[in-house]
PDB file of all heavy atoms in Angstrom:
ATOM      1  N   ALA A   1     -14.264 170.060 -10.940  1.00  0.00           N
ATOM      2  CA  ALA A   1     -13.773 168.709 -10.939  1.00  0.00           C
ATOM      3  C   ALA A   1     -13.353 168.271 -12.323  1.00  0.00           C
ATOM      4  O   ALA A   1     -12.990 167.109 -12.496  1.00  0.00           O
ATOM      5  CB  ALA A   1     -14.912 167.771 -10.433  1.00  0.00           C
ATOM      6  N   ARG A   2     -13.348 169.115 -13.267  1.00  0.00           N
ATOM      7  CA  ARG A   2     -13.107 168.760 -14.664  1.00  0.00           C
ATOM      8  C   ARG A   2     -11.692 169.256 -15.041  1.00  0.00           C
ATOM      9  O   ARG A   2     -11.309 170.385 -14.777  1.00  0.00           O
ATOM     10  CB  ARG A   2     -14.095 169.444 -15.587  1.00  0.00           C
ATOM     11  CG  ARG A   2     -14.165 168.801 -16.972  1.00  0.00           C
ATOM     12  CD  ARG A   2     -15.127 169.576 -17.837  1.00  0.00           C
ATOM     13  NE  ARG A   2     -16.390 169.801 -17.176  1.00  0.00           N
ATOM     14  CZ  ARG A   2     -17.299 170.626 -17.665  1.00  0.00           C
ATOM     15  NH1 ARG A   2     -17.078 171.352 -18.705  1.00  0.00           N
ATOM     16  NH2 ARG A   2     -18.453 170.764 -17.035  1.00  0.00           N
ATOM     17  N   ALA A   3     -10.859 168.346 -15.605  1.00  0.00           N
ATOM     18  CA  ALA A   3      -9.506 168.685 -15.996  1.00  0.00           C
ATOM     19  C   ALA A   3      -9.511 169.402 -17.353  1.00  0.00           C
ATOM     20  O   ALA A   3     -10.298 169.072 -18.225  1.00  0.00           O
ATOM     21  CB  ALA A   3      -8.671 167.453 -16.020  1.00  0.00           C
ATOM     22  N   GLY A   4      -8.585 170.348 -17.484  1.00  0.00           N
ATOM     23  CA  GLY A   4      -8.365 170.976 -18.819  1.00  0.00           C
ATOM     24  C   GLY A   4      -9.489 171.850 -19.323  1.00  0.00           C
ATOM     25  O   GLY A   4      -9.709 171.910 -20.498  1.00  0.00           O
ATOM     26  N   ALA A   5     -10.216 172.510 -18.439  1.00  0.00           N
ATOM     27  CA  ALA A   5     -11.286 173.375 -18.826  1.00  0.00           C
ATOM     28  C   ALA A   5     -10.778 174.566 -19.624  1.00  0.00           C
ATOM     29  O   ALA A   5      -9.772 175.196 -19.278  1.00  0.00           O
ATOM     30  CB  ALA A   5     -12.140 173.835 -17.627  1.00  0.00           C
ATOM     31  N   THR A   6     -11.414 174.906 -20.697  1.00  0.00           N
ATOM     32  CA  THR A   6     -11.135 176.119 -21.513  1.00  0.00           C
ATOM     33  C   THR A   6     -12.284 177.077 -21.308  1.00  0.00           C
ATOM     34  O   THR A   6     -13.429 176.769 -21.648  1.00  0.00           O
ATOM     35  CB  THR A   6     -10.921 175.833 -22.989  1.00  0.00           C
ATOM     36  OG1 THR A   6      -9.798 174.979 -23.132  1.00  0.00           O
ATOM     37  CG2 THR A   6     -10.735 177.136 -23.774  1.00  0.00           C
ATOM     38  N   ILE A   7     -11.989 178.242 -20.720  1.00  0.00           N
ATOM     39  CA  ILE A   7     -13.036 179.265 -20.533  1.00  0.00           C
ATOM     40  C   ILE A   7     -13.174 180.171 -21.738  1.00  0.00           C
ATOM     41  O   ILE A   7     -12.174 180.613 -22.275  1.00  0.00           O
ATOM     42  CB  ILE A   7     -12.697 180.104 -19.259  1.00  0.00           C
ATOM     43  CG1 ILE A   7     -12.688 179.250 -17.996  1.00  0.00           C
ATOM     44  CG2 ILE A   7     -13.693 181.281 -19.083  1.00  0.00           C
ATOM     45  CD1 ILE A   7     -14.034 178.593 -17.678  1.00  0.00           C
ATOM     46  N   LYS A   8     -14.392 180.386 -22.191  1.00  0.00           N
ATOM     47  CA  LYS A   8     -14.630 181.339 -23.269  1.00  0.00           C
ATOM     48  C   LYS A   8     -15.103 182.665 -22.635  1.00  0.00           C
ATOM     49  O   LYS A   8     -16.179 182.706 -22.063  1.00  0.00           O
ATOM     50  CB  LYS A   8     -15.673 180.748 -24.192  1.00  0.00           C
ATOM     51  CG  LYS A   8     -15.180 179.610 -25.052  1.00  0.00           C
ATOM     52  CD  LYS A   8     -16.278 178.751 -25.679  1.00  0.00           C
ATOM     53  CE  LYS A   8     -16.722 177.703 -24.706  1.00  0.00           C
ATOM     54  NZ  LYS A   8     -17.705 176.734 -25.277  1.00  0.00           N
ATOM     55  N   MET A   9     -14.253 183.671 -22.761  1.00  0.00           N
ATOM     56  CA  MET A   9     -14.515 184.969 -22.101  1.00  0.00           C
ATOM     57  C   MET A   9     -14.997 186.007 -23.089  1.00  0.00           C
ATOM     58  O   MET A   9     -14.218 186.429 -23.977  1.00  0.00           O
ATOM     59  CB  MET A   9     -13.231 185.431 -21.443  1.00  0.00           C
ATOM     60  CG  MET A   9     -13.347 186.760 -20.643  1.00  0.00           C
ATOM     61  SD  MET A   9     -14.232 186.602 -19.106  1.00  0.00           S
ATOM     62  CE  MET A   9     -12.906 185.783 -18.168  1.00  0.00           C
ATOM     63  N   MET A  10     -16.218 186.416 -22.972  1.00  0.00           N
ATOM     64  CA  MET A  10     -16.765 187.502 -23.796  1.00  0.00           C
ATOM     65  C   MET A  10     -16.377 188.797 -23.145  1.00  0.00           C
ATOM     66  O   MET A  10     -16.677 189.048 -21.977  1.00  0.00           O
ATOM     67  CB  MET A  10     -18.265 187.380 -23.930  1.00  0.00           C
ATOM     68  CG  MET A  10     -18.988 188.655 -24.391  1.00  0.00           C
ATOM     69  SD  MET A  10     -18.392 189.227 -26.024  1.00  0.00           S
ATOM     70  CE  MET A  10     -19.195 187.936 -27.089  1.00  0.00           C
ATOM     71  N   ILE A  11     -15.694 189.626 -23.901  1.00  0.00           N
ATOM     72  CA  ILE A  11     -15.358 191.029 -23.455  1.00  0.00           C
ATOM     73  C   ILE A  11     -16.191 191.975 -24.347  1.00  0.00           C
ATOM     74  O   ILE A  11     -15.839 192.154 -25.484  1.00  0.00           O
ATOM     75  CB  ILE A  11     -13.875 191.293 -23.587  1.00  0.00           C
ATOM     76  CG1 ILE A  11     -13.071 190.277 -22.718  1.00  0.00           C
ATOM     77  CG2 ILE A  11     -13.570 192.715 -23.156  1.00  0.00           C
ATOM     78  CD1 ILE A  11     -11.576 190.418 -22.834  1.00  0.00           C
ATOM     79  N   PRO A  12     -17.246 192.566 -23.799  1.00  0.00           N
ATOM     80  CA  PRO A  12     -18.152 193.359 -24.614  1.00  0.00           C
ATOM     81  C   PRO A  12     -17.667 194.789 -24.924  1.00  0.00           C
ATOM     82  O   PRO A  12     -18.410 195.754 -24.794  1.00  0.00           O
ATOM     83  CB  PRO A  12     -19.452 193.369 -23.813  1.00  0.00           C
ATOM     84  CG  PRO A  12     -18.942 193.353 -22.415  1.00  0.00           C
ATOM     85  CD  PRO A  12     -17.698 192.485 -22.418  1.00  0.00           C
ATOM     86  N   ALA A  13     -16.422 194.850 -25.317  1.00  0.00           N
ATOM     87  CA  ALA A  13     -15.766 196.145 -25.654  1.00  0.00           C
ATOM     88  C   ALA A  13     -14.618 195.856 -26.599  1.00  0.00           C
ATOM     89  O   ALA A  13     -14.124 194.746 -26.637  1.00  0.00           O
ATOM     90  CB  ALA A  13     -15.353 196.865 -24.372  1.00  0.00           C
ATOM     91  N   ASN A  14     -14.187 196.892 -27.259  1.00  0.00           N
ATOM     92  CA  ASN A  14     -12.976 196.743 -28.136  1.00  0.00           C
ATOM     93  C   ASN A  14     -11.759 196.596 -27.244  1.00  0.00           C
ATOM     94  O   ASN A  14     -11.737 196.966 -26.109  1.00  0.00           O
ATOM     95  CB  ASN A  14     -12.877 197.961 -29.060  1.00  0.00           C
ATOM     96  CG  ASN A  14     -13.916 197.933 -30.181  1.00  0.00           C
ATOM     97  OD1 ASN A  14     -14.635 196.931 -30.282  1.00  0.00           O
ATOM     98  ND2 ASN A  14     -13.999 199.009 -30.945  1.00  0.00           N
ATOM     99  N   PRO A  15     -10.658 196.100 -27.855  1.00  0.00           N
ATOM    100  CA  PRO A  15      -9.391 196.052 -27.087  1.00  0.00           C
ATOM    101  C   PRO A  15      -8.883 197.373 -26.570  1.00  0.00           C
ATOM    102  O   PRO A  15      -9.120 198.389 -27.182  1.00  0.00           O
ATOM    103  CB  PRO A  15      -8.420 195.437 -28.123  1.00  0.00           C
ATOM    104  CG  PRO A  15      -9.289 194.719 -29.101  1.00  0.00           C
ATOM    105  CD  PRO A  15     -10.551 195.566 -29.189  1.00  0.00           C
ATOM    106  N   GLY A  16      -8.243 197.311 -25.394  1.00  0.00           N
ATOM    107  CA  GLY A  16      -7.575 198.480 -24.906  1.00  0.00           C
ATOM    108  C   GLY A  16      -8.275 199.201 -23.776  1.00  0.00           C
ATOM    109  O   GLY A  16      -7.747 200.197 -23.210  1.00  0.00           O
ATOM    110  N   GLY A  17      -9.471 198.830 -23.433  1.00  0.00           N
ATOM    111  CA  GLY A  17     -10.215 199.525 -22.422  1.00  0.00           C
ATOM    112  C   GLY A  17     -10.246 198.847 -21.076  1.00  0.00           C
ATOM    113  O   GLY A  17      -9.537 197.820 -20.855  1.00  0.00           O
ATOM    114  N   GLY A  18     -11.122 199.308 -20.197  1.00  0.00           N
ATOM    115  CA  GLY A  18     -11.256 198.742 -18.843  1.00  0.00           C
ATOM    116  C   GLY A  18     -11.716 197.323 -18.790  1.00  0.00           C
ATOM    117  O   GLY A  18     -11.177 196.499 -18.106  1.00  0.00           O
ATOM    118  N   TRP A  19     -12.795 197.040 -19.563  1.00  0.00           N
ATOM    119  CA  TRP A  19     -13.297 195.684 -19.602  1.00  0.00           C
ATOM    120  C   TRP A  19     -12.275 194.735 -20.177  1.00  0.00           C
ATOM    121  O   TRP A  19     -12.086 193.590 -19.670  1.00  0.00           O
ATOM    122  CB  TRP A  19     -14.556 195.585 -20.401  1.00  0.00           C
ATOM    123  CG  TRP A  19     -15.816 195.833 -19.631  1.00  0.00           C
ATOM    124  CD1 TRP A  19     -15.972 195.654 -18.270  1.00  0.00           C
ATOM    125  CD2 TRP A  19     -17.079 196.326 -20.125  1.00  0.00           C
ATOM    126  NE1 TRP A  19     -17.258 196.007 -17.920  1.00  0.00           N
ATOM    127  CE2 TRP A  19     -17.940 196.387 -19.050  1.00  0.00           C
ATOM    128  CE3 TRP A  19     -17.551 196.640 -21.417  1.00  0.00           C
ATOM    129  CZ2 TRP A  19     -19.271 196.813 -19.170  1.00  0.00           C
ATOM    130  CZ3 TRP A  19     -18.837 197.024 -21.526  1.00  0.00           C
ATOM    131  CH2 TRP A  19     -19.704 197.107 -20.399  1.00  0.00           C
ATOM    132  N   ASP A  20     -11.591 195.143 -21.212  1.00  0.00           N
ATOM    133  CA  ASP A  20     -10.578 194.318 -21.851  1.00  0.00           C
ATOM    134  C   ASP A  20      -9.409 194.026 -20.913  1.00  0.00           C
ATOM    135  O   ASP A  20      -9.007 192.889 -20.724  1.00  0.00           O
ATOM    136  CB  ASP A  20     -10.039 195.024 -23.110  1.00  0.00           C
ATOM    137  CG  ASP A  20      -9.103 194.139 -23.945  1.00  0.00           C
ATOM    138  OD1 ASP A  20      -9.549 193.048 -24.331  1.00  0.00           O
ATOM    139  OD2 ASP A  20      -7.963 194.525 -24.159  1.00  0.00           O
ATOM    140  N   GLY A  21      -8.916 195.077 -20.257  1.00  0.00           N
ATOM    141  CA  GLY A  21      -7.872 194.886 -19.323  1.00  0.00           C
ATOM    142  C   GLY A  21      -8.199 194.006 -18.094  1.00  0.00           C
ATOM    143  O   GLY A  21      -7.511 193.119 -17.733  1.00  0.00           O
ATOM    144  N   THR A  22      -9.443 194.229 -17.607  1.00  0.00           N
ATOM    145  CA  THR A  22      -9.922 193.419 -16.514  1.00  0.00           C
ATOM    146  C   THR A  22     -10.144 191.955 -16.895  1.00  0.00           C
ATOM    147  O   THR A  22      -9.752 191.051 -16.201  1.00  0.00           O
ATOM    148  CB  THR A  22     -11.222 193.992 -15.873  1.00  0.00           C
ATOM    149  OG1 THR A  22     -11.046 195.427 -15.569  1.00  0.00           O
ATOM    150  CG2 THR A  22     -11.578 193.279 -14.583  1.00  0.00           C
ATOM    151  N   GLY A  23     -10.760 191.812 -18.055  1.00  0.00           N
ATOM    152  CA  GLY A  23     -11.072 190.446 -18.509  1.00  0.00           C
ATOM    153  C   GLY A  23      -9.834 189.635 -18.746  1.00  0.00           C
ATOM    154  O   GLY A  23      -9.760 188.430 -18.400  1.00  0.00           O
ATOM    155  N   ARG A  24      -8.841 190.211 -19.364  1.00  0.00           N
ATOM    156  CA  ARG A  24      -7.610 189.474 -19.679  1.00  0.00           C
ATOM    157  C   ARG A  24      -6.798 189.232 -18.406  1.00  0.00           C
ATOM    158  O   ARG A  24      -6.162 188.151 -18.274  1.00  0.00           O
ATOM    159  CB  ARG A  24      -6.781 190.213 -20.724  1.00  0.00           C
ATOM    160  CG  ARG A  24      -7.473 190.163 -22.079  1.00  0.00           C
ATOM    161  CD  ARG A  24      -6.819 190.971 -23.224  1.00  0.00           C
ATOM    162  NE  ARG A  24      -7.655 191.023 -24.391  1.00  0.00           N
ATOM    163  CZ  ARG A  24      -7.641 190.071 -25.325  1.00  0.00           C
ATOM    164  NH1 ARG A  24      -6.826 189.050 -25.229  1.00  0.00           N
ATOM    165  NH2 ARG A  24      -8.459 190.217 -26.328  1.00  0.00           N
ATOM    166  N   ALA A  25      -6.798 190.192 -17.478  1.00  0.00           N
ATOM    167  CA  ALA A  25      -6.092 189.934 -16.184  1.00  0.00           C
ATOM    168  C   ALA A  25      -6.803 188.846 -15.388  1.00  0.00           C
ATOM    169  O   ALA A  25      -6.135 187.999 -14.812  1.00  0.00           O
ATOM    170  CB  ALA A  25      -6.086 191.252 -15.397  1.00  0.00           C
ATOM    171  N   PHE A  26      -8.134 188.843 -15.479  1.00  0.00           N
ATOM    172  CA  PHE A  26      -8.832 187.774 -14.755  1.00  0.00           C
ATOM    173  C   PHE A  26      -8.733 186.409 -15.395  1.00  0.00           C
ATOM    174  O   PHE A  26      -8.599 185.380 -14.728  1.00  0.00           O
ATOM    175  CB  PHE A  26     -10.347 188.147 -14.599  1.00  0.00           C
ATOM    176  CG  PHE A  26     -11.068 187.301 -13.606  1.00  0.00           C
ATOM    177  CD1 PHE A  26     -10.741 187.351 -12.309  1.00  0.00           C
ATOM    178  CD2 PHE A  26     -11.986 186.338 -14.046  1.00  0.00           C
ATOM    179  CE1 PHE A  26     -11.396 186.519 -11.317  1.00  0.00           C
ATOM    180  CE2 PHE A  26     -12.616 185.524 -13.113  1.00  0.00           C
ATOM    181  CZ  PHE A  26     -12.335 185.610 -11.784  1.00  0.00           C
ATOM    182  N   GLY A  27      -8.635 186.391 -16.749  1.00  0.00           N
ATOM    183  CA  GLY A  27      -8.359 185.178 -17.413  1.00  0.00           C
ATOM    184  C   GLY A  27      -7.041 184.564 -17.026  1.00  0.00           C
ATOM    185  O   GLY A  27      -6.879 183.366 -16.724  1.00  0.00           O
ATOM    186  N   ALA A  28      -6.031 185.447 -16.916  1.00  0.00           N
ATOM    187  CA  ALA A  28      -4.661 185.001 -16.492  1.00  0.00           C
ATOM    188  C   ALA A  28      -4.738 184.496 -15.069  1.00  0.00           C
ATOM    189  O   ALA A  28      -4.054 183.505 -14.696  1.00  0.00           O
ATOM    190  CB  ALA A  28      -3.679 186.136 -16.583  1.00  0.00           C
ATOM    191  N   ALA A  29      -5.549 185.108 -14.222  1.00  0.00           N
ATOM    192  CA  ALA A  29      -5.739 184.661 -12.826  1.00  0.00           C
ATOM    193  C   ALA A  29      -6.424 183.308 -12.747  1.00  0.00           C
ATOM    194  O   ALA A  29      -6.066 182.483 -11.871  1.00  0.00           O
ATOM    195  CB  ALA A  29      -6.566 185.680 -12.075  1.00  0.00           C
ATOM    196  N   LEU A  30      -7.359 183.015 -13.629  1.00  0.00           N
ATOM    197  CA  LEU A  30      -8.007 181.712 -13.657  1.00  0.00           C
ATOM    198  C   LEU A  30      -6.986 180.630 -13.951  1.00  0.00           C
ATOM    199  O   LEU A  30      -6.997 179.527 -13.360  1.00  0.00           O
ATOM    200  CB  LEU A  30      -9.095 181.644 -14.677  1.00  0.00           C
ATOM    201  CG  LEU A  30     -10.358 182.502 -14.444  1.00  0.00           C
ATOM    202  CD1 LEU A  30     -11.209 182.617 -15.690  1.00  0.00           C
ATOM    203  CD2 LEU A  30     -11.198 181.871 -13.278  1.00  0.00           C
ATOM    204  N   ILE A  31      -6.085 180.915 -14.874  1.00  0.00           N
ATOM    205  CA  ILE A  31      -5.045 179.941 -15.223  1.00  0.00           C
ATOM    206  C   ILE A  31      -4.035 179.799 -14.069  1.00  0.00           C
ATOM    207  O   ILE A  31      -3.662 178.673 -13.701  1.00  0.00           O
ATOM    208  CB  ILE A  31      -4.353 180.356 -16.524  1.00  0.00           C
ATOM    209  CG1 ILE A  31      -5.306 180.286 -17.695  1.00  0.00           C
ATOM    210  CG2 ILE A  31      -3.143 179.471 -16.807  1.00  0.00           C
ATOM    211  CD1 ILE A  31      -4.788 180.916 -18.964  1.00  0.00           C
TER     212      ILE A  31
END
């Protein structure tokens, strides 16, 4: 119910791996 929410996404891995790819794809899906 809150407008303009900013999600803080912790990705517990360095860039370029599975968690990173999944996390960023899911972040884009939230938007």
